[in-house]
Amino acid sequence: MPAEQVDELRRVVAGGEAESVSSYVAAAVRDRLARDQALARLREAWGELPDDALTWARRTLGVAGDETTPAKAAS
């Protein structure tokens, strides 16, 4: 993990926005796993999603696109 991210996490904890670095990272991992599982279920039900649909969804939800999700990498 880049040092800048570690420093930011420590600032978040010091500011009371998270209980600990560990709890913050655990929540991020939990959320990412849930997202990857949801995307995998969508792909199982509907097949590979068109890139334009993924781009629209990411823009609408305000999330960065990461084409290296385990579900995408496994397909």
PDB file of N, CA and C in Angstrom:
ATOM      1  N   MET A   1       0.852  -1.174   0.000  1.00  0.00           N
ATOM      2  CA  MET A   1       0.000   0.000   0.000  1.00  0.00           C
ATOM      3  C   MET A   1       0.896   1.233   0.000  1.00  0.00           C
ATOM      4  N   PRO A   2       0.590   2.193  -0.859  1.00  0.00           N
ATOM      5  CA  PRO A   2       1.406   3.404  -0.916  1.00  0.00           C
ATOM      6  C   PRO A   2       1.403   4.169   0.409  1.00  0.00           C
ATOM      7  N   ALA A   3       2.542   4.741   0.732  1.00  0.00           N
ATOM      8  CA  ALA A   3       2.699   5.478   1.997  1.00  0.00           C
ATOM      9  C   ALA A   3       1.674   6.600   2.128  1.00  0.00           C
ATOM     10  N   GLU A   4       1.330   7.235   1.009  1.00  0.00           N
ATOM     11  CA  GLU A   4       0.353   8.338   1.063  1.00  0.00           C
ATOM     12  C   GLU A   4      -1.007   7.832   1.547  1.00  0.00           C
ATOM     13  N   GLN A   5      -1.377   6.631   1.118  1.00  0.00           N
ATOM     14  CA  GLN A   5      -2.654   6.059   1.549  1.00  0.00           C
ATOM     15  C   GLN A   5      -2.617   5.699   3.028  1.00  0.00           C
ATOM     16  N   VAL A   6      -1.501   5.174   3.479  1.00  0.00           N
ATOM     17  CA  VAL A   6      -1.355   4.845   4.900  1.00  0.00           C
ATOM     18  C   VAL A   6      -1.464   6.122   5.723  1.00  0.00           C
ATOM     19  N   ASP A   7      -0.803   7.176   5.290  1.00  0.00           N
ATOM     20  CA  ASP A   7      -0.881   8.454   5.999  1.00  0.00           C
ATOM     21  C   ASP A   7      -2.314   8.963   6.046  1.00  0.00           C
ATOM     22  N   GLU A   8      -3.026   8.864   4.935  1.00  0.00           N
ATOM     23  CA  GLU A   8      -4.423   9.316   4.896  1.00  0.00           C
ATOM     24  C   GLU A   8      -5.282   8.478   5.831  1.00  0.00           C
ATOM     25  N   LEU A   9      -5.069   7.177   5.840  1.00  0.00           N
ATOM     26  CA  LEU A   9      -5.823   6.319   6.768  1.00  0.00           C
ATOM     27  C   LEU A   9      -5.575   6.722   8.214  1.00  0.00           C
ATOM     28  N   ARG A  10      -4.340   7.004   8.542  1.00  0.00           N
ATOM     29  CA  ARG A  10      -4.019   7.430   9.915  1.00  0.00           C
ATOM     30  C   ARG A  10      -4.710   8.746  10.254  1.00  0.00           C
ATOM     31  N   ARG A  11      -4.800   9.662   9.271  1.00  0.00           N
ATOM     32  CA  ARG A  11      -5.521  10.923   9.499  1.00  0.00           C
ATOM     33  C   ARG A  11      -7.013  10.663   9.724  1.00  0.00           C
ATOM     34  N   VAL A  12      -7.569   9.725   8.974  1.00  0.00           N
ATOM     35  CA  VAL A  12      -8.979   9.373   9.135  1.00  0.00           C
ATOM     36  C   VAL A  12      -9.227   8.839  10.547  1.00  0.00           C
ATOM     37  N   VAL A  13      -8.357   7.971  11.005  1.00  0.00           N
ATOM     38  CA  VAL A  13      -8.495   7.406  12.359  1.00  0.00           C
ATOM     39  C   VAL A  13      -8.301   8.494  13.400  1.00  0.00           C
ATOM     40  N   ALA A  14      -7.276   9.318  13.239  1.00  0.00           N
ATOM     41  CA  ALA A  14      -7.018  10.404  14.202  1.00  0.00           C
ATOM     42  C   ALA A  14      -8.184  11.379  14.266  1.00  0.00           C
ATOM     43  N   GLY A  15      -8.864  11.560  13.141  1.00  0.00           N
ATOM     44  CA  GLY A  15     -10.013  12.460  13.089  1.00  0.00           C
ATOM     45  C   GLY A  15     -11.298  11.831  13.601  1.00  0.00           C
ATOM     46  N   GLY A  16     -11.223  10.569  14.018  1.00  0.00           N
ATOM     47  CA  GLY A  16     -12.391   9.904  14.572  1.00  0.00           C
ATOM     48  C   GLY A  16     -13.366   9.364  13.540  1.00  0.00           C
ATOM     49  N   GLU A  17     -12.970   9.343  12.278  1.00  0.00           N
ATOM     50  CA  GLU A  17     -13.864   8.854  11.226  1.00  0.00           C
ATOM     51  C   GLU A  17     -13.840   7.337  11.097  1.00  0.00           C
ATOM     52  N   ALA A  18     -12.863   6.705  11.726  1.00  0.00           N
ATOM     53  CA  ALA A  18     -12.766   5.250  11.740  1.00  0.00           C
ATOM     54  C   ALA A  18     -12.161   4.842  13.072  1.00  0.00           C
ATOM     55  N   GLU A  19     -12.541   3.663  13.530  1.00  0.00           N
ATOM     56  CA  GLU A  19     -12.046   3.170  14.817  1.00  0.00           C
ATOM     57  C   GLU A  19     -10.559   2.845  14.754  1.00  0.00           C
ATOM     58  N   SER A  20     -10.135   2.254  13.630  1.00  0.00           N
ATOM     59  CA  SER A  20      -8.734   1.883  13.453  1.00  0.00           C
ATOM     60  C   SER A  20      -8.458   1.699  11.968  1.00  0.00           C
ATOM     61  N   VAL A  21      -7.185   1.684  11.634  1.00  0.00           N
ATOM     62  CA  VAL A  21      -6.806   1.415  10.248  1.00  0.00           C
ATOM     63  C   VAL A  21      -7.317   0.035   9.853  1.00  0.00           C
ATOM     64  N   SER A  22      -7.162  -0.916  10.745  1.00  0.00           N
ATOM     65  CA  SER A  22      -7.594  -2.281  10.466  1.00  0.00           C
ATOM     66  C   SER A  22      -9.098  -2.342  10.196  1.00  0.00           C
ATOM     67  N   SER A  23      -9.908  -1.666  10.987  1.00  0.00           N
ATOM     68  CA  SER A  23     -11.361  -1.711  10.778  1.00  0.00           C
ATOM     69  C   SER A  23     -11.738  -1.023   9.475  1.00  0.00           C
ATOM     70  N   TYR A  24     -11.026   0.038   9.127  1.00  0.00           N
ATOM     71  CA  TYR A  24     -11.293   0.740   7.871  1.00  0.00           C
ATOM     72  C   TYR A  24     -10.985  -0.168   6.677  1.00  0.00           C
ATOM     73  N   VAL A  25      -9.830  -0.818   6.731  1.00  0.00           N
ATOM     74  CA  VAL A  25      -9.431  -1.712   5.644  1.00  0.00           C
ATOM     75  C   VAL A  25     -10.385  -2.911   5.567  1.00  0.00           C
ATOM     76  N   ALA A  26     -10.768  -3.455   6.716  1.00  0.00           N
ATOM     77  CA  ALA A  26     -11.697  -4.589   6.722  1.00  0.00           C
ATOM     78  C   ALA A  26     -13.029  -4.199   6.084  1.00  0.00           C
ATOM     79  N   ALA A  27     -13.527  -3.006   6.374  1.00  0.00           N
ATOM     80  CA  ALA A  27     -14.781  -2.545   5.779  1.00  0.00           C
ATOM     81  C   ALA A  27     -14.626  -2.369   4.267  1.00  0.00           C
ATOM     82  N   ALA A  28     -13.487  -1.842   3.833  1.00  0.00           N
ATOM     83  CA  ALA A  28     -13.245  -1.663   2.399  1.00  0.00           C
ATOM     84  C   ALA A  28     -13.198  -3.011   1.684  1.00  0.00           C
ATOM     85  N   VAL A  29     -12.550  -3.986   2.290  1.00  0.00           N
ATOM     86  CA  VAL A  29     -12.470  -5.320   1.694  1.00  0.00           C
ATOM     87  C   VAL A  29     -13.858  -5.955   1.648  1.00  0.00           C
ATOM     88  N   ARG A  30     -14.622  -5.822   2.726  1.00  0.00           N
ATOM     89  CA  ARG A  30     -15.983  -6.366   2.762  1.00  0.00           C
ATOM     90  C   ARG A  30     -16.829  -5.765   1.648  1.00  0.00           C
ATOM     91  N   ASP A  31     -16.744  -4.450   1.494  1.00  0.00           N
ATOM     92  CA  ASP A  31     -17.528  -3.768   0.465  1.00  0.00           C
ATOM     93  C   ASP A  31     -17.095  -4.181  -0.933  1.00  0.00           C
ATOM     94  N   ARG A  32     -15.810  -4.330  -1.158  1.00  0.00           N
ATOM     95  CA  ARG A  32     -15.303  -4.736  -2.474  1.00  0.00           C
ATOM     96  C   ARG A  32     -15.736  -6.158  -2.799  1.00  0.00           C
ATOM     97  N   LEU A  33     -15.654  -7.051  -1.824  1.00  0.00           N
ATOM     98  CA  LEU A  33     -16.094  -8.425  -2.050  1.00  0.00           C
ATOM     99  C   LEU A  33     -17.581  -8.478  -2.389  1.00  0.00           C
ATOM    100  N   ALA A  34     -18.386  -7.697  -1.689  1.00  0.00           N
ATOM    101  CA  ALA A  34     -19.826  -7.659  -1.962  1.00  0.00           C
ATOM    102  C   ALA A  34     -20.083  -7.141  -3.376  1.00  0.00           C
ATOM    103  N   ARG A  35     -19.354  -6.113  -3.781  1.00  0.00           N
ATOM    104  CA  ARG A  35     -19.505  -5.565  -5.130  1.00  0.00           C
ATOM    105  C   ARG A  35     -19.113  -6.591  -6.185  1.00  0.00           C
ATOM    106  N   ASP A  36     -17.981  -7.256  -5.961  1.00  0.00           N
ATOM    107  CA  ASP A  36     -17.527  -8.266  -6.917  1.00  0.00           C
ATOM    108  C   ASP A  36     -18.520  -9.425  -7.014  1.00  0.00           C
ATOM    109  N   GLN A  37     -19.083  -9.833  -5.880  1.00  0.00           N
ATOM    110  CA  GLN A  37     -20.062 -10.921  -5.889  1.00  0.00           C
ATOM    111  C   GLN A  37     -21.337 -10.500  -6.615  1.00  0.00           C
ATOM    112  N   ALA A  38     -21.778  -9.274  -6.402  1.00  0.00           N
ATOM    113  CA  ALA A  38     -22.973  -8.782  -7.083  1.00  0.00           C
ATOM    114  C   ALA A  38     -22.740  -8.732  -8.597  1.00  0.00           C
ATOM    115  N   LEU A  39     -21.573  -8.258  -9.004  1.00  0.00           N
ATOM    116  CA  LEU A  39     -21.261  -8.205 -10.426  1.00  0.00           C
ATOM    117  C   LEU A  39     -21.179  -9.615 -11.013  1.00  0.00           C
ATOM    118  N   ALA A  40     -20.621 -10.551 -10.279  1.00  0.00           N
ATOM    119  CA  ALA A  40     -20.549 -11.937 -10.749  1.00  0.00           C
ATOM    120  C   ALA A  40     -21.954 -12.515 -10.932  1.00  0.00           C
ATOM    121  N   ARG A  41     -22.876 -12.209 -10.002  1.00  0.00           N
ATOM    122  CA  ARG A  41     -24.260 -12.694 -10.129  1.00  0.00           C
ATOM    123  C   ARG A  41     -24.938 -12.083 -11.351  1.00  0.00           C
ATOM    124  N   LEU A  42     -24.686 -10.798 -11.597  1.00  0.00           N
ATOM    125  CA  LEU A  42     -25.242 -10.167 -12.798  1.00  0.00           C
ATOM    126  C   LEU A  42     -24.720 -10.848 -14.063  1.00  0.00           C
ATOM    127  N   ARG A  43     -23.432 -11.126 -14.085  1.00  0.00           N
ATOM    128  CA  ARG A  43     -22.845 -11.781 -15.260  1.00  0.00           C
ATOM    129  C   ARG A  43     -23.394 -13.192 -15.443  1.00  0.00           C
ATOM    130  N   GLU A  44     -23.622 -13.909 -14.335  1.00  0.00           N
ATOM    131  CA  GLU A  44     -24.204 -15.249 -14.435  1.00  0.00           C
ATOM    132  C   GLU A  44     -25.614 -15.188 -15.008  1.00  0.00           C
ATOM    133  N   ALA A  45     -26.370 -14.192 -14.590  1.00  0.00           N
ATOM    134  CA  ALA A  45     -27.759 -14.072 -15.028  1.00  0.00           C
ATOM    135  C   ALA A  45     -27.884 -13.517 -16.449  1.00  0.00           C
ATOM    136  N   TRP A  46     -27.028 -12.562 -16.829  1.00  0.00           N
ATOM    137  CA  TRP A  46     -27.214 -11.833 -18.079  1.00  0.00           C
ATOM    138  C   TRP A  46     -26.042 -11.938 -19.033  1.00  0.00           C
ATOM    139  N   GLY A  47     -24.981 -12.619 -18.655  1.00  0.00           N
ATOM    140  CA  GLY A  47     -23.796 -12.669 -19.505  1.00  0.00           C
ATOM    141  C   GLY A  47     -22.917 -11.461 -19.261  1.00  0.00           C
ATOM    142  N   GLU A  48     -21.894 -11.361 -20.069  1.00  0.00           N
ATOM    143  CA  GLU A  48     -20.959 -10.235 -19.921  1.00  0.00           C
ATOM    144  C   GLU A  48     -21.680  -8.922 -20.172  1.00  0.00           C
ATOM    145  N   LEU A  49     -21.462  -7.967 -19.303  1.00  0.00           N
ATOM    146  CA  LEU A  49     -22.123  -6.673 -19.434  1.00  0.00           C
ATOM    147  C   LEU A  49     -21.375  -5.812 -20.447  1.00  0.00           C
ATOM    148  N   PRO A  50     -22.105  -5.105 -21.305  1.00  0.00           N
ATOM    149  CA  PRO A  50     -21.446  -4.236 -22.287  1.00  0.00           C
ATOM    150  C   PRO A  50     -20.654  -3.127 -21.589  1.00  0.00           C
ATOM    151  N   ASP A  51     -19.518  -2.773 -22.167  1.00  0.00           N
ATOM    152  CA  ASP A  51     -18.679  -1.733 -21.576  1.00  0.00           C
ATOM    153  C   ASP A  51     -19.429  -0.426 -21.386  1.00  0.00           C
ATOM    154  N   ASP A  52     -20.297  -0.065 -22.337  1.00  0.00           N
ATOM    155  CA  ASP A  52     -21.023   1.198 -22.194  1.00  0.00           C
ATOM    156  C   ASP A  52     -21.987   1.163 -21.008  1.00  0.00           C
ATOM    157  N   ALA A  53     -22.550  -0.001 -20.706  1.00  0.00           N
ATOM    158  CA  ALA A  53     -23.430  -0.132 -19.542  1.00  0.00           C
ATOM    159  C   ALA A  53     -22.627  -0.002 -18.256  1.00  0.00           C
ATOM    160  N   LEU A  54     -21.450  -0.613 -18.212  1.00  0.00           N
ATOM    161  CA  LEU A  54     -20.594  -0.496 -17.024  1.00  0.00           C
ATOM    162  C   LEU A  54     -20.124   0.939 -16.828  1.00  0.00           C
ATOM    163  N   THR A  55     -19.760   1.599 -17.930  1.00  0.00           N
ATOM    164  CA  THR A  55     -19.327   2.991 -17.848  1.00  0.00           C
ATOM    165  C   THR A  55     -20.449   3.865 -17.316  1.00  0.00           C
ATOM    166  N   TRP A  56     -21.656   3.669 -17.833  1.00  0.00           N
ATOM    167  CA  TRP A  56     -22.812   4.441 -17.363  1.00  0.00           C
ATOM    168  C   TRP A  56     -23.048   4.196 -15.871  1.00  0.00           C
ATOM    169  N   ALA A  57     -23.020   2.932 -15.452  1.00  0.00           N
ATOM    170  CA  ALA A  57     -23.282   2.608 -14.057  1.00  0.00           C
ATOM    171  C   ALA A  57     -22.222   3.220 -13.144  1.00  0.00           C
ATOM    172  N   ARG A  58     -20.960   3.122 -13.539  1.00  0.00           N
ATOM    173  CA  ARG A  58     -19.894   3.710 -12.719  1.00  0.00           C
ATOM    174  C   ARG A  58     -20.051   5.218 -12.613  1.00  0.00           C
ATOM    175  N   ARG A  59     -20.359   5.864 -13.735  1.00  0.00           N
ATOM    176  CA  ARG A  59     -20.541   7.316 -13.721  1.00  0.00           C
ATOM    177  C   ARG A  59     -21.744   7.686 -12.850  1.00  0.00           C
ATOM    178  N   THR A  60     -22.832   6.956 -13.002  1.00  0.00           N
ATOM    179  CA  THR A  60     -24.053   7.229 -12.244  1.00  0.00           C
ATOM    180  C   THR A  60     -23.833   7.039 -10.745  1.00  0.00           C
ATOM    181  N   LEU A  61     -23.082   5.992 -10.398  1.00  0.00           N
ATOM    182  CA  LEU A  61     -22.825   5.683  -8.987  1.00  0.00           C
ATOM    183  C   LEU A  61     -21.641   6.458  -8.426  1.00  0.00           C
ATOM    184  N   GLY A  62     -20.881   7.096  -9.289  1.00  0.00           N
ATOM    185  CA  GLY A  62     -19.733   7.865  -8.832  1.00  0.00           C
ATOM    186  C   GLY A  62     -18.585   7.000  -8.333  1.00  0.00           C
ATOM    187  N   VAL A  63     -18.395   5.846  -8.972  1.00  0.00           N
ATOM    188  CA  VAL A  63     -17.296   4.959  -8.577  1.00  0.00           C
ATOM    189  C   VAL A  63     -16.309   4.828  -9.728  1.00  0.00           C
ATOM    190  N   ALA A  64     -15.060   4.610  -9.365  1.00  0.00           N
ATOM    191  CA  ALA A  64     -14.014   4.445 -10.375  1.00  0.00           C
ATOM    192  C   ALA A  64     -14.142   3.082 -11.026  1.00  0.00           C
ATOM    193  N   GLY A  65     -13.805   3.021 -12.272  1.00  0.00           N
ATOM    194  CA  GLY A  65     -13.804   1.750 -12.979  1.00  0.00           C
ATOM    195  C   GLY A  65     -12.527   0.997 -12.689  1.00  0.00           C
ATOM    196  N   ASP A  66     -12.661  -0.269 -12.356  1.00  0.00           N
ATOM    197  CA  ASP A  66     -11.496  -1.114 -12.119  1.00  0.00           C
ATOM    198  C   ASP A  66     -11.721  -2.385 -12.903  1.00  0.00           C
ATOM    199  N   GLU A  67     -11.072  -2.491 -14.025  1.00  0.00           N
ATOM    200  CA  GLU A  67     -11.276  -3.635 -14.906  1.00  0.00           C
ATOM    201  C   GLU A  67     -10.575  -4.890 -14.426  1.00  0.00           C
ATOM    202  N   THR A  68      -9.988  -4.855 -13.229  1.00  0.00           N
ATOM    203  CA  THR A  68      -9.262  -6.024 -12.737  1.00  0.00           C
ATOM    204  C   THR A  68     -10.018  -6.721 -11.612  1.00  0.00           C
ATOM    205  N   THR A  69     -11.332  -6.531 -11.548  1.00  0.00           N
ATOM    206  CA  THR A  69     -12.096  -7.222 -10.510  1.00  0.00           C
ATOM    207  C   THR A  69     -11.957  -8.722 -10.700  1.00  0.00           C
ATOM    208  N   PRO A  70     -11.969  -9.488  -9.619  1.00  0.00           N
ATOM    209  CA  PRO A  70     -11.839 -10.926  -9.754  1.00  0.00           C
ATOM    210  C   PRO A  70     -12.881 -11.538 -10.684  1.00  0.00           C
ATOM    211  N   ALA A  71     -14.114 -11.048 -10.652  1.00  0.00           N
ATOM    212  CA  ALA A  71     -15.150 -11.583 -11.519  1.00  0.00           C
ATOM    213  C   ALA A  71     -14.794 -11.348 -12.982  1.00  0.00           C
ATOM    214  N   LYS A  72     -14.282 -10.184 -13.306  1.00  0.00           N
ATOM    215  CA  LYS A  72     -13.908  -9.851 -14.684  1.00  0.00           C
ATOM    216  C   LYS A  72     -12.673 -10.659 -15.090  1.00  0.00           C
ATOM    217  N   ALA A  73     -11.703 -10.742 -14.202  1.00  0.00           N
ATOM    218  CA  ALA A  73     -10.470 -11.455 -14.521  1.00  0.00           C
ATOM    219  C   ALA A  73     -10.723 -12.935 -14.742  1.00  0.00           C
ATOM    220  N   ALA A  74     -11.718 -13.491 -14.048  1.00  0.00           N
ATOM    221  CA  ALA A  74     -12.007 -14.920 -14.148  1.00  0.00           C
ATOM    222  C   ALA A  74     -12.762 -15.255 -15.418  1.00  0.00           C
ATOM    223  N   SER A  75     -13.403 -14.269 -16.056  1.00  0.00           N
ATOM    224  CA  SER A  75     -14.192 -14.569 -17.249  1.00  0.00           C
ATOM    225  C   SER A  75     -13.373 -14.561 -18.501  1.00  0.00           C
TER     226      SER A  75
END
